[in-house]
ModelCIF file with pLDDT and N, C-alpha, C, O atoms, coordinates in Angstrom:
data_MODEL
#
_entry.id   MODEL 
#
_entity.id                         1 
_entity.type                       polymer 
_entity.pdbx_number_of_molecules   1 
#
_entity_poly.entity_id                      1 
_entity_poly.type                           'polypeptide(L)' 
_entity_poly.nstd_linkage                   no 
_entity_poly.nstd_monomer                   no 
_entity_poly.pdbx_seq_one_letter_code       
;(UNK)(UNK)(UNK)(UNK)(UNK)(UNK)(UNK)(UNK)(UNK)(UNK)(UNK)(UNK)(UNK)(UNK)(UNK)(UNK)
(UNK)(UNK)(UNK)(UNK)(UNK)(UNK)(UNK)(UNK)(UNK)(UNK)(UNK)(UNK)(UNK)(UNK)(UNK)(UNK)
(UNK)(UNK)(UNK)(UNK)(UNK)(UNK)(UNK)(UNK)(UNK)(UNK)(UNK)(UNK)(UNK)(UNK)(UNK)
;
_entity_poly.pdbx_seq_one_letter_code_can   XXXXXXXXXXXXXXXXXXXXXXXXXXXXXXXXXXXXXXXXXXXXXXX 
_entity_poly.pdbx_strand_id                 A 
#
loop_
_entity_poly_seq.entity_id 
_entity_poly_seq.num 
_entity_poly_seq.mon_id 
_entity_poly_seq.hetero 
1 1  UNK n 
1 2  UNK n 
1 3  UNK n 
1 4  UNK n 
1 5  UNK n 
1 6  UNK n 
1 7  UNK n 
1 8  UNK n 
1 9  UNK n 
1 10 UNK n 
1 11 UNK n 
1 12 UNK n 
1 13 UNK n 
1 14 UNK n 
1 15 UNK n 
1 16 UNK n 
1 17 UNK n 
1 18 UNK n 
1 19 UNK n 
1 20 UNK n 
1 21 UNK n 
1 22 UNK n 
1 23 UNK n 
1 24 UNK n 
1 25 UNK n 
1 26 UNK n 
1 27 UNK n 
1 28 UNK n 
1 29 UNK n 
1 30 UNK n 
1 31 UNK n 
1 32 UNK n 
1 33 UNK n 
1 34 UNK n 
1 35 UNK n 
1 36 UNK n 
1 37 UNK n 
1 38 UNK n 
1 39 UNK n 
1 40 UNK n 
1 41 UNK n 
1 42 UNK n 
1 43 UNK n 
1 44 UNK n 
1 45 UNK n 
1 46 UNK n 
1 47 UNK n 
#
_struct_asym.id          A 
_struct_asym.entity_id   1 
#
loop_
_ma_qa_metric.id 
_ma_qa_metric.mode 
_ma_qa_metric.name 
_ma_qa_metric.software_group_id 
_ma_qa_metric.type 
1 global pLDDT . pLDDT 
2 local  pLDDT . pLDDT 
#
_ma_qa_metric_global.metric_id      1 
_ma_qa_metric_global.metric_value   93.36 
_ma_qa_metric_global.model_id       1 
_ma_qa_metric_global.ordinal_id     1 
#
loop_
_ma_qa_metric_local.label_asym_id 
_ma_qa_metric_local.label_comp_id 
_ma_qa_metric_local.label_seq_id 
_ma_qa_metric_local.metric_id 
_ma_qa_metric_local.metric_value 
_ma_qa_metric_local.model_id 
_ma_qa_metric_local.ordinal_id 
A UNK 1  2 97.00 1 1  
A UNK 2  2 97.00 1 2  
A UNK 3  2 97.00 1 3  
A UNK 4  2 97.00 1 4  
A UNK 5  2 97.00 1 5  
A UNK 6  2 96.00 1 6  
A UNK 7  2 95.00 1 7  
A UNK 8  2 93.00 1 8  
A UNK 9  2 90.00 1 9  
A UNK 10 2 88.00 1 10 
A UNK 11 2 92.00 1 11 
A UNK 12 2 91.00 1 12 
A UNK 13 2 92.00 1 13 
A UNK 14 2 94.00 1 14 
A UNK 15 2 95.00 1 15 
A UNK 16 2 96.00 1 16 
A UNK 17 2 97.00 1 17 
A UNK 18 2 97.00 1 18 
A UNK 19 2 98.00 1 19 
A UNK 20 2 97.00 1 20 
A UNK 21 2 96.00 1 21 
A UNK 22 2 95.00 1 22 
A UNK 23 2 90.00 1 23 
A UNK 24 2 89.00 1 24 
A UNK 25 2 93.00 1 25 
A UNK 26 2 92.00 1 26 
A UNK 27 2 94.00 1 27 
A UNK 28 2 96.00 1 28 
A UNK 29 2 97.00 1 29 
A UNK 30 2 96.00 1 30 
A UNK 31 2 96.00 1 31 
A UNK 32 2 95.00 1 32 
A UNK 33 2 94.00 1 33 
A UNK 34 2 92.00 1 34 
A UNK 35 2 89.00 1 35 
A UNK 36 2 82.00 1 36 
A UNK 37 2 83.00 1 37 
A UNK 38 2 86.00 1 38 
A UNK 39 2 88.00 1 39 
A UNK 40 2 90.00 1 40 
A UNK 41 2 92.00 1 41 
A UNK 42 2 94.00 1 42 
A UNK 43 2 95.00 1 43 
A UNK 44 2 97.00 1 44 
A UNK 45 2 96.00 1 45 
A UNK 46 2 95.00 1 46 
A UNK 47 2 90.00 1 47 
#
loop_
_atom_site.group_PDB 
_atom_site.id 
_atom_site.type_symbol 
_atom_site.label_atom_id 
_atom_site.label_alt_id 
_atom_site.label_comp_id 
_atom_site.label_asym_id 
_atom_site.label_entity_id 
_atom_site.label_seq_id 
_atom_site.pdbx_PDB_ins_code 
_atom_site.Cartn_x 
_atom_site.Cartn_y 
_atom_site.Cartn_z 
_atom_site.occupancy 
_atom_site.B_iso_or_equiv 
_atom_site.pdbx_formal_charge 
_atom_site.auth_seq_id 
_atom_site.auth_comp_id 
_atom_site.auth_asym_id 
_atom_site.auth_atom_id 
_atom_site.pdbx_PDB_model_num 
ATOM 1   N N  . UNK A 1 1  ? 160.180 182.175 -0.297  1.00 97.00 ? 1  UNK A N  1 
ATOM 2   C CA . UNK A 1 1  ? 160.821 181.230 0.611   1.00 97.00 ? 1  UNK A CA 1 
ATOM 3   C C  . UNK A 1 1  ? 159.737 180.541 1.447   1.00 97.00 ? 1  UNK A C  1 
ATOM 4   O O  . UNK A 1 1  ? 158.550 180.825 1.285   1.00 97.00 ? 1  UNK A O  1 
ATOM 5   N N  . UNK A 1 2  ? 160.143 179.652 2.325   1.00 97.00 ? 2  UNK A N  1 
ATOM 6   C CA . UNK A 1 2  ? 159.205 178.894 3.153   1.00 97.00 ? 2  UNK A CA 1 
ATOM 7   C C  . UNK A 1 2  ? 158.302 179.751 4.017   1.00 97.00 ? 2  UNK A C  1 
ATOM 8   O O  . UNK A 1 2  ? 157.197 179.335 4.365   1.00 97.00 ? 2  UNK A O  1 
ATOM 9   N N  . UNK A 1 3  ? 158.765 180.953 4.370   1.00 97.00 ? 3  UNK A N  1 
ATOM 10  C CA . UNK A 1 3  ? 157.943 181.846 5.190   1.00 97.00 ? 3  UNK A CA 1 
ATOM 11  C C  . UNK A 1 3  ? 157.085 182.785 4.344   1.00 97.00 ? 3  UNK A C  1 
ATOM 12  O O  . UNK A 1 3  ? 156.464 183.707 4.873   1.00 97.00 ? 3  UNK A O  1 
ATOM 13  N N  . UNK A 1 4  ? 157.049 182.551 3.017   1.00 97.00 ? 4  UNK A N  1 
ATOM 14  C CA . UNK A 1 4  ? 156.209 183.347 2.123   1.00 97.00 ? 4  UNK A CA 1 
ATOM 15  C C  . UNK A 1 4  ? 156.837 184.651 1.669   1.00 97.00 ? 4  UNK A C  1 
ATOM 16  O O  . UNK A 1 4  ? 156.220 185.391 0.903   1.00 97.00 ? 4  UNK A O  1 
ATOM 17  N N  . UNK A 1 5  ? 158.059 184.956 2.125   1.00 97.00 ? 5  UNK A N  1 
ATOM 18  C CA . UNK A 1 5  ? 158.693 186.213 1.744   1.00 97.00 ? 5  UNK A CA 1 
ATOM 19  C C  . UNK A 1 5  ? 159.494 186.059 0.461   1.00 97.00 ? 5  UNK A C  1 
ATOM 20  O O  . UNK A 1 5  ? 159.869 184.953 0.071   1.00 97.00 ? 5  UNK A O  1 
ATOM 21  N N  . UNK A 1 6  ? 159.747 187.179 -0.180  1.00 96.00 ? 6  UNK A N  1 
ATOM 22  C CA . UNK A 1 6  ? 160.558 187.221 -1.389  1.00 96.00 ? 6  UNK A CA 1 
ATOM 23  C C  . UNK A 1 6  ? 161.264 188.567 -1.425  1.00 96.00 ? 6  UNK A C  1 
ATOM 24  O O  . UNK A 1 6  ? 160.876 189.505 -0.729  1.00 96.00 ? 6  UNK A O  1 
ATOM 25  N N  . UNK A 1 7  ? 162.294 188.649 -2.236  1.00 95.00 ? 7  UNK A N  1 
ATOM 26  C CA . UNK A 1 7  ? 163.040 189.896 -2.392  1.00 95.00 ? 7  UNK A CA 1 
ATOM 27  C C  . UNK A 1 7  ? 163.328 190.130 -3.865  1.00 95.00 ? 7  UNK A C  1 
ATOM 28  O O  . UNK A 1 7  ? 163.790 189.234 -4.572  1.00 95.00 ? 7  UNK A O  1 
ATOM 29  N N  . UNK A 1 8  ? 163.055 191.327 -4.310  1.00 93.00 ? 8  UNK A N  1 
ATOM 30  C CA . UNK A 1 8  ? 163.441 191.787 -5.638  1.00 93.00 ? 8  UNK A CA 1 
ATOM 31  C C  . UNK A 1 8  ? 164.162 193.117 -5.436  1.00 93.00 ? 8  UNK A C  1 
ATOM 32  O O  . UNK A 1 8  ? 163.659 193.997 -4.737  1.00 93.00 ? 8  UNK A O  1 
ATOM 33  N N  . UNK A 1 9  ? 165.323 193.263 -6.037  1.00 90.00 ? 9  UNK A N  1 
ATOM 34  C CA . UNK A 1 9  ? 166.034 194.536 -5.880  1.00 90.00 ? 9  UNK A CA 1 
ATOM 35  C C  . UNK A 1 9  ? 166.372 195.131 -7.236  1.00 90.00 ? 9  UNK A C  1 
ATOM 36  O O  . UNK A 1 9  ? 166.213 194.489 -8.274  1.00 90.00 ? 9  UNK A O  1 
ATOM 37  N N  . UNK A 1 10 ? 166.837 196.360 -7.206  1.00 88.00 ? 10 UNK A N  1 
ATOM 38  C CA . UNK A 1 10 ? 167.251 197.098 -8.406  1.00 88.00 ? 10 UNK A CA 1 
ATOM 39  C C  . UNK A 1 10 ? 166.112 197.275 -9.409  1.00 88.00 ? 10 UNK A C  1 
ATOM 40  O O  . UNK A 1 10 ? 166.330 197.247 -10.620 1.00 88.00 ? 10 UNK A O  1 
ATOM 41  N N  . UNK A 1 11 ? 164.910 197.455 -8.899  1.00 92.00 ? 11 UNK A N  1 
ATOM 42  C CA . UNK A 1 11 ? 163.763 197.715 -9.770  1.00 92.00 ? 11 UNK A CA 1 
ATOM 43  C C  . UNK A 1 11 ? 163.643 199.210 -10.026 1.00 92.00 ? 11 UNK A C  1 
ATOM 44  O O  . UNK A 1 11 ? 164.040 200.007 -9.177  1.00 92.00 ? 11 UNK A O  1 
ATOM 45  N N  . UNK A 1 12 ? 163.109 199.608 -11.168 1.00 91.00 ? 12 UNK A N  1 
ATOM 46  C CA . UNK A 1 12 ? 162.931 201.034 -11.438 1.00 91.00 ? 12 UNK A CA 1 
ATOM 47  C C  . UNK A 1 12 ? 161.825 201.620 -10.574 1.00 91.00 ? 12 UNK A C  1 
ATOM 48  O O  . UNK A 1 12 ? 160.860 200.935 -10.237 1.00 91.00 ? 12 UNK A O  1 
ATOM 49  N N  . UNK A 1 13 ? 161.970 202.880 -10.222 1.00 92.00 ? 13 UNK A N  1 
ATOM 50  C CA . UNK A 1 13 ? 160.943 203.559 -9.437  1.00 92.00 ? 13 UNK A CA 1 
ATOM 51  C C  . UNK A 1 13 ? 159.681 203.772 -10.247 1.00 92.00 ? 13 UNK A C  1 
ATOM 52  O O  . UNK A 1 13 ? 159.703 203.725 -11.477 1.00 92.00 ? 13 UNK A O  1 
ATOM 53  N N  . UNK A 1 14 ? 158.583 204.007 -9.552  1.00 94.00 ? 14 UNK A N  1 
ATOM 54  C CA . UNK A 1 14 ? 157.311 204.277 -10.205 1.00 94.00 ? 14 UNK A CA 1 
ATOM 55  C C  . UNK A 1 14 ? 156.209 203.376 -9.696  1.00 94.00 ? 14 UNK A C  1 
ATOM 56  O O  . UNK A 1 14 ? 156.399 202.608 -8.753  1.00 94.00 ? 14 UNK A O  1 
ATOM 57  N N  . UNK A 1 15 ? 155.061 203.477 -10.327 1.00 95.00 ? 15 UNK A N  1 
ATOM 58  C CA . UNK A 1 15 ? 153.908 202.656 -9.961  1.00 95.00 ? 15 UNK A CA 1 
ATOM 59  C C  . UNK A 1 15 ? 153.903 201.409 -10.828 1.00 95.00 ? 15 UNK A C  1 
ATOM 60  O O  . UNK A 1 15 ? 153.948 201.495 -12.055 1.00 95.00 ? 15 UNK A O  1 
ATOM 61  N N  . UNK A 1 16 ? 153.847 200.257 -10.188 1.00 96.00 ? 16 UNK A N  1 
ATOM 62  C CA . UNK A 1 16 ? 153.913 198.974 -10.867 1.00 96.00 ? 16 UNK A CA 1 
ATOM 63  C C  . UNK A 1 16 ? 152.834 198.048 -10.317 1.00 96.00 ? 16 UNK A C  1 
ATOM 64  O O  . UNK A 1 16 ? 152.141 198.379 -9.355  1.00 96.00 ? 16 UNK A O  1 
ATOM 65  N N  . UNK A 1 17 ? 152.709 196.902 -10.935 1.00 97.00 ? 17 UNK A N  1 
ATOM 66  C CA . UNK A 1 17 ? 151.801 195.877 -10.457 1.00 97.00 ? 17 UNK A CA 1 
ATOM 67  C C  . UNK A 1 17 ? 152.603 194.614 -10.173 1.00 97.00 ? 17 UNK A C  1 
ATOM 68  O O  . UNK A 1 17 ? 153.319 194.111 -11.038 1.00 97.00 ? 17 UNK A O  1 
ATOM 69  N N  . UNK A 1 18 ? 152.473 194.111 -8.951  1.00 97.00 ? 18 UNK A N  1 
ATOM 70  C CA . UNK A 1 18 ? 153.101 192.837 -8.581  1.00 97.00 ? 18 UNK A CA 1 
ATOM 71  C C  . UNK A 1 18 ? 152.053 191.750 -8.771  1.00 97.00 ? 18 UNK A C  1 
ATOM 72  O O  . UNK A 1 18 ? 150.878 191.948 -8.461  1.00 97.00 ? 18 UNK A O  1 
ATOM 73  N N  . UNK A 1 19 ? 152.482 190.610 -9.279  1.00 98.00 ? 19 UNK A N  1 
ATOM 74  C CA . UNK A 1 19 ? 151.584 189.480 -9.493  1.00 98.00 ? 19 UNK A CA 1 
ATOM 75  C C  . UNK A 1 19 ? 152.196 188.244 -8.848  1.00 98.00 ? 19 UNK A C  1 
ATOM 76  O O  . UNK A 1 19 ? 153.376 187.954 -9.047  1.00 98.00 ? 19 UNK A O  1 
ATOM 77  N N  . UNK A 1 20 ? 151.395 187.517 -8.078  1.00 97.00 ? 20 UNK A N  1 
ATOM 78  C CA . UNK A 1 20 ? 151.832 186.261 -7.478  1.00 97.00 ? 20 UNK A CA 1 
ATOM 79  C C  . UNK A 1 20 ? 151.094 185.118 -8.152  1.00 97.00 ? 20 UNK A C  1 
ATOM 80  O O  . UNK A 1 20 ? 149.901 185.208 -8.444  1.00 97.00 ? 20 UNK A O  1 
ATOM 81  N N  . UNK A 1 21 ? 151.837 184.031 -8.395  1.00 96.00 ? 21 UNK A N  1 
ATOM 82  C CA . UNK A 1 21 ? 151.266 182.836 -9.027  1.00 96.00 ? 21 UNK A CA 1 
ATOM 83  C C  . UNK A 1 21 ? 151.722 181.614 -8.257  1.00 96.00 ? 21 UNK A C  1 
ATOM 84  O O  . UNK A 1 21 ? 152.878 181.521 -7.845  1.00 96.00 ? 21 UNK A O  1 
ATOM 85  N N  . UNK A 1 22 ? 150.811 180.684 -8.069  1.00 95.00 ? 22 UNK A N  1 
ATOM 86  C CA . UNK A 1 22 ? 151.137 179.408 -7.433  1.00 95.00 ? 22 UNK A CA 1 
ATOM 87  C C  . UNK A 1 22 ? 150.189 178.356 -7.992  1.00 95.00 ? 22 UNK A C  1 
ATOM 88  O O  . UNK A 1 22 ? 149.031 178.640 -8.299  1.00 95.00 ? 22 UNK A O  1 
ATOM 89  N N  . UNK A 1 23 ? 150.693 177.155 -8.117  1.00 90.00 ? 23 UNK A N  1 
ATOM 90  C CA . UNK A 1 23 ? 149.876 176.064 -8.634  1.00 90.00 ? 23 UNK A CA 1 
ATOM 91  C C  . UNK A 1 23 ? 148.679 175.846 -7.710  1.00 90.00 ? 23 UNK A C  1 
ATOM 92  O O  . UNK A 1 23 ? 148.830 175.760 -6.491  1.00 90.00 ? 23 UNK A O  1 
ATOM 93  N N  . UNK A 1 24 ? 147.509 175.759 -8.296  1.00 89.00 ? 24 UNK A N  1 
ATOM 94  C CA . UNK A 1 24 ? 146.289 175.524 -7.543  1.00 89.00 ? 24 UNK A CA 1 
ATOM 95  C C  . UNK A 1 24 ? 145.559 176.787 -7.132  1.00 89.00 ? 24 UNK A C  1 
ATOM 96  O O  . UNK A 1 24 ? 144.510 176.712 -6.492  1.00 89.00 ? 24 UNK A O  1 
ATOM 97  N N  . UNK A 1 25 ? 146.100 177.963 -7.490  1.00 93.00 ? 25 UNK A N  1 
ATOM 98  C CA . UNK A 1 25 ? 145.482 179.234 -7.115  1.00 93.00 ? 25 UNK A CA 1 
ATOM 99  C C  . UNK A 1 25 ? 145.305 180.127 -8.327  1.00 93.00 ? 25 UNK A C  1 
ATOM 100 O O  . UNK A 1 25 ? 146.086 180.067 -9.277  1.00 93.00 ? 25 UNK A O  1 
ATOM 101 N N  . UNK A 1 26 ? 144.275 180.955 -8.286  1.00 92.00 ? 26 UNK A N  1 
ATOM 102 C CA . UNK A 1 26 ? 144.102 182.001 -9.284  1.00 92.00 ? 26 UNK A CA 1 
ATOM 103 C C  . UNK A 1 26 ? 145.148 183.075 -9.005  1.00 92.00 ? 26 UNK A C  1 
ATOM 104 O O  . UNK A 1 26 ? 145.299 183.483 -7.853  1.00 92.00 ? 26 UNK A O  1 
ATOM 105 N N  . UNK A 1 27 ? 145.878 183.549 -10.022 1.00 94.00 ? 27 UNK A N  1 
ATOM 106 C CA . UNK A 1 27 ? 146.880 184.598 -9.771  1.00 94.00 ? 27 UNK A CA 1 
ATOM 107 C C  . UNK A 1 27 ? 146.251 185.816 -9.091  1.00 94.00 ? 27 UNK A C  1 
ATOM 108 O O  . UNK A 1 27 ? 145.079 186.129 -9.303  1.00 94.00 ? 27 UNK A O  1 
ATOM 109 N N  . UNK A 1 28 ? 147.049 186.487 -8.276  1.00 96.00 ? 28 UNK A N  1 
ATOM 110 C CA . UNK A 1 28 ? 146.583 187.675 -7.568  1.00 96.00 ? 28 UNK A CA 1 
ATOM 111 C C  . UNK A 1 28 ? 147.530 188.830 -7.894  1.00 96.00 ? 28 UNK A C  1 
ATOM 112 O O  . UNK A 1 28 ? 148.743 188.644 -7.986  1.00 96.00 ? 28 UNK A O  1 
ATOM 113 N N  . UNK A 1 29 ? 146.958 190.028 -8.068  1.00 97.00 ? 29 UNK A N  1 
ATOM 114 C CA . UNK A 1 29 ? 147.745 191.221 -8.393  1.00 97.00 ? 29 UNK A CA 1 
ATOM 115 C C  . UNK A 1 29 ? 147.558 192.281 -7.320  1.00 97.00 ? 29 UNK A C  1 
ATOM 116 O O  . UNK A 1 29 ? 146.504 192.388 -6.694  1.00 97.00 ? 29 UNK A O  1 
ATOM 117 N N  . UNK A 1 30 ? 148.620 193.064 -7.126  1.00 96.00 ? 30 UNK A N  1 
ATOM 118 C CA . UNK A 1 30 ? 148.608 194.113 -6.111  1.00 96.00 ? 30 UNK A CA 1 
ATOM 119 C C  . UNK A 1 30 ? 149.417 195.295 -6.650  1.00 96.00 ? 30 UNK A C  1 
ATOM 120 O O  . UNK A 1 30 ? 150.541 195.099 -7.112  1.00 96.00 ? 30 UNK A O  1 
ATOM 121 N N  . UNK A 1 31 ? 148.871 196.528 -6.603  1.00 96.00 ? 31 UNK A N  1 
ATOM 122 C CA . UNK A 1 31 ? 149.670 197.682 -7.012  1.00 96.00 ? 31 UNK A CA 1 
ATOM 123 C C  . UNK A 1 31 ? 150.778 197.939 -5.988  1.00 96.00 ? 31 UNK A C  1 
ATOM 124 O O  . UNK A 1 31 ? 150.601 197.706 -4.792  1.00 96.00 ? 31 UNK A O  1 
ATOM 125 N N  . UNK A 1 32 ? 151.912 198.420 -6.474  1.00 95.00 ? 32 UNK A N  1 
ATOM 126 C CA . UNK A 1 32 ? 153.027 198.742 -5.583  1.00 95.00 ? 32 UNK A CA 1 
ATOM 127 C C  . UNK A 1 32 ? 153.729 199.986 -6.126  1.00 95.00 ? 32 UNK A C  1 
ATOM 128 O O  . UNK A 1 32 ? 153.962 200.106 -7.329  1.00 95.00 ? 32 UNK A O  1 
ATOM 129 N N  . UNK A 1 33 ? 154.060 200.900 -5.228  1.00 94.00 ? 33 UNK A N  1 
ATOM 130 C CA . UNK A 1 33 ? 154.773 202.116 -5.586  1.00 94.00 ? 33 UNK A CA 1 
ATOM 131 C C  . UNK A 1 33 ? 156.224 201.956 -5.159  1.00 94.00 ? 33 UNK A C  1 
ATOM 132 O O  . UNK A 1 33 ? 156.512 201.759 -3.978  1.00 94.00 ? 33 UNK A O  1 
ATOM 133 N N  . UNK A 1 34 ? 157.132 202.041 -6.117  1.00 92.00 ? 34 UNK A N  1 
ATOM 134 C CA . UNK A 1 34 ? 158.545 201.823 -5.838  1.00 92.00 ? 34 UNK A CA 1 
ATOM 135 C C  . UNK A 1 34 ? 159.316 203.139 -5.899  1.00 92.00 ? 34 UNK A C  1 
ATOM 136 O O  . UNK A 1 34 ? 159.125 203.960 -6.796  1.00 92.00 ? 34 UNK A O  1 
ATOM 137 N N  . UNK A 1 35 ? 160.195 203.306 -4.911  1.00 89.00 ? 35 UNK A N  1 
ATOM 138 C CA . UNK A 1 35 ? 161.096 204.461 -4.882  1.00 89.00 ? 35 UNK A CA 1 
ATOM 139 C C  . UNK A 1 35 ? 162.510 203.948 -4.680  1.00 89.00 ? 35 UNK A C  1 
ATOM 140 O O  . UNK A 1 35 ? 162.730 202.975 -3.958  1.00 89.00 ? 35 UNK A O  1 
ATOM 141 N N  . UNK A 1 36 ? 163.449 204.593 -5.307  1.00 82.00 ? 36 UNK A N  1 
ATOM 142 C CA . UNK A 1 36 ? 164.842 204.175 -5.172  1.00 82.00 ? 36 UNK A CA 1 
ATOM 143 C C  . UNK A 1 36 ? 165.370 204.385 -3.756  1.00 82.00 ? 36 UNK A C  1 
ATOM 144 O O  . UNK A 1 36 ? 166.293 203.687 -3.336  1.00 82.00 ? 36 UNK A O  1 
ATOM 145 N N  . UNK A 1 37 ? 164.807 205.321 -3.022  1.00 83.00 ? 37 UNK A N  1 
ATOM 146 C CA . UNK A 1 37 ? 165.341 205.683 -1.708  1.00 83.00 ? 37 UNK A CA 1 
ATOM 147 C C  . UNK A 1 37 ? 164.845 204.819 -0.558  1.00 83.00 ? 37 UNK A C  1 
ATOM 148 O O  . UNK A 1 37 ? 165.395 204.894 0.541   1.00 83.00 ? 37 UNK A O  1 
ATOM 149 N N  . UNK A 1 38 ? 163.824 204.002 -0.779  1.00 86.00 ? 38 UNK A N  1 
ATOM 150 C CA . UNK A 1 38 ? 163.268 203.219 0.325   1.00 86.00 ? 38 UNK A CA 1 
ATOM 151 C C  . UNK A 1 38 ? 162.699 201.901 -0.192  1.00 86.00 ? 38 UNK A C  1 
ATOM 152 O O  . UNK A 1 38 ? 162.122 201.857 -1.278  1.00 86.00 ? 38 UNK A O  1 
ATOM 153 N N  . UNK A 1 39 ? 162.860 200.824 0.583   1.00 88.00 ? 39 UNK A N  1 
ATOM 154 C CA . UNK A 1 39 ? 162.265 199.549 0.164   1.00 88.00 ? 39 UNK A CA 1 
ATOM 155 C C  . UNK A 1 39 ? 160.738 199.596 0.245   1.00 88.00 ? 39 UNK A C  1 
ATOM 156 O O  . UNK A 1 39 ? 160.175 200.333 1.054   1.00 88.00 ? 39 UNK A O  1 
ATOM 157 N N  . UNK A 1 40 ? 160.093 198.826 -0.577  1.00 90.00 ? 40 UNK A N  1 
ATOM 158 C CA . UNK A 1 40 ? 158.633 198.720 -0.566  1.00 90.00 ? 40 UNK A CA 1 
ATOM 159 C C  . UNK A 1 40 ? 158.251 197.327 -0.086  1.00 90.00 ? 40 UNK A C  1 
ATOM 160 O O  . UNK A 1 40 ? 158.972 196.354 -0.309  1.00 90.00 ? 40 UNK A O  1 
ATOM 161 N N  . UNK A 1 41 ? 157.118 197.253 0.567   1.00 92.00 ? 41 UNK A N  1 
ATOM 162 C CA . UNK A 1 41 ? 156.595 195.977 1.040   1.00 92.00 ? 41 UNK A CA 1 
ATOM 163 C C  . UNK A 1 41 ? 155.208 195.785 0.447   1.00 92.00 ? 41 UNK A C  1 
ATOM 164 O O  . UNK A 1 41 ? 154.408 196.719 0.386   1.00 92.00 ? 41 UNK A O  1 
ATOM 165 N N  . UNK A 1 42 ? 154.939 194.572 0.016   1.00 94.00 ? 42 UNK A N  1 
ATOM 166 C CA . UNK A 1 42 ? 153.614 194.254 -0.514  1.00 94.00 ? 42 UNK A CA 1 
ATOM 167 C C  . UNK A 1 42 ? 153.179 192.922 0.081   1.00 94.00 ? 42 UNK A C  1 
ATOM 168 O O  . UNK A 1 42 ? 153.952 191.965 0.115   1.00 94.00 ? 42 UNK A O  1 
ATOM 169 N N  . UNK A 1 43 ? 151.937 192.868 0.547   1.00 95.00 ? 43 UNK A N  1 
ATOM 170 C CA . UNK A 1 43 ? 151.366 191.622 1.077   1.00 95.00 ? 43 UNK A CA 1 
ATOM 171 C C  . UNK A 1 43 ? 150.344 191.116 0.076   1.00 95.00 ? 43 UNK A C  1 
ATOM 172 O O  . UNK A 1 43 ? 149.471 191.860 -0.370  1.00 95.00 ? 43 UNK A O  1 
ATOM 173 N N  . UNK A 1 44 ? 150.462 189.845 -0.270  1.00 97.00 ? 44 UNK A N  1 
ATOM 174 C CA . UNK A 1 44 ? 149.565 189.266 -1.256  1.00 97.00 ? 44 UNK A CA 1 
ATOM 175 C C  . UNK A 1 44 ? 148.969 187.983 -0.698  1.00 97.00 ? 44 UNK A C  1 
ATOM 176 O O  . UNK A 1 44 ? 149.684 187.130 -0.172  1.00 97.00 ? 44 UNK A O  1 
ATOM 177 N N  . UNK A 1 45 ? 147.643 187.855 -0.818  1.00 96.00 ? 45 UNK A N  1 
ATOM 178 C CA . UNK A 1 45 ? 146.941 186.673 -0.317  1.00 96.00 ? 45 UNK A CA 1 
ATOM 179 C C  . UNK A 1 45 ? 146.080 186.110 -1.430  1.00 96.00 ? 45 UNK A C  1 
ATOM 180 O O  . UNK A 1 45 ? 145.298 186.825 -2.056  1.00 96.00 ? 45 UNK A O  1 
ATOM 181 N N  . UNK A 1 46 ? 146.238 184.817 -1.667  1.00 95.00 ? 46 UNK A N  1 
ATOM 182 C CA . UNK A 1 46 ? 145.405 184.148 -2.660  1.00 95.00 ? 46 UNK A CA 1 
ATOM 183 C C  . UNK A 1 46 ? 144.024 183.928 -2.070  1.00 95.00 ? 46 UNK A C  1 
ATOM 184 O O  . UNK A 1 46 ? 143.889 183.510 -0.920  1.00 95.00 ? 46 UNK A O  1 
ATOM 185 N N  . UNK A 1 47 ? 142.991 184.214 -2.867  1.00 90.00 ? 47 UNK A N  1 
ATOM 186 C CA . UNK A 1 47 ? 141.611 184.034 -2.423  1.00 90.00 ? 47 UNK A CA 1 
ATOM 187 C C  . UNK A 1 47 ? 140.999 182.761 -2.973  1.00 90.00 ? 47 UNK A C  1 
ATOM 188 O O  . UNK A 1 47 ? 139.838 182.463 -2.692  1.00 90.00 ? 47 UNK A O  1 
#
């Protein structure tokens, strides 16, 4: 969204990799650990 936030729900638990892509930037990846019992937060910054 305009404030840079996003939401994904109903993802399987475990260790995953989140990837952000935007025109004009090199994609950036960040590891994220997901659990069904609690939401996860990941901050991603394009370099």
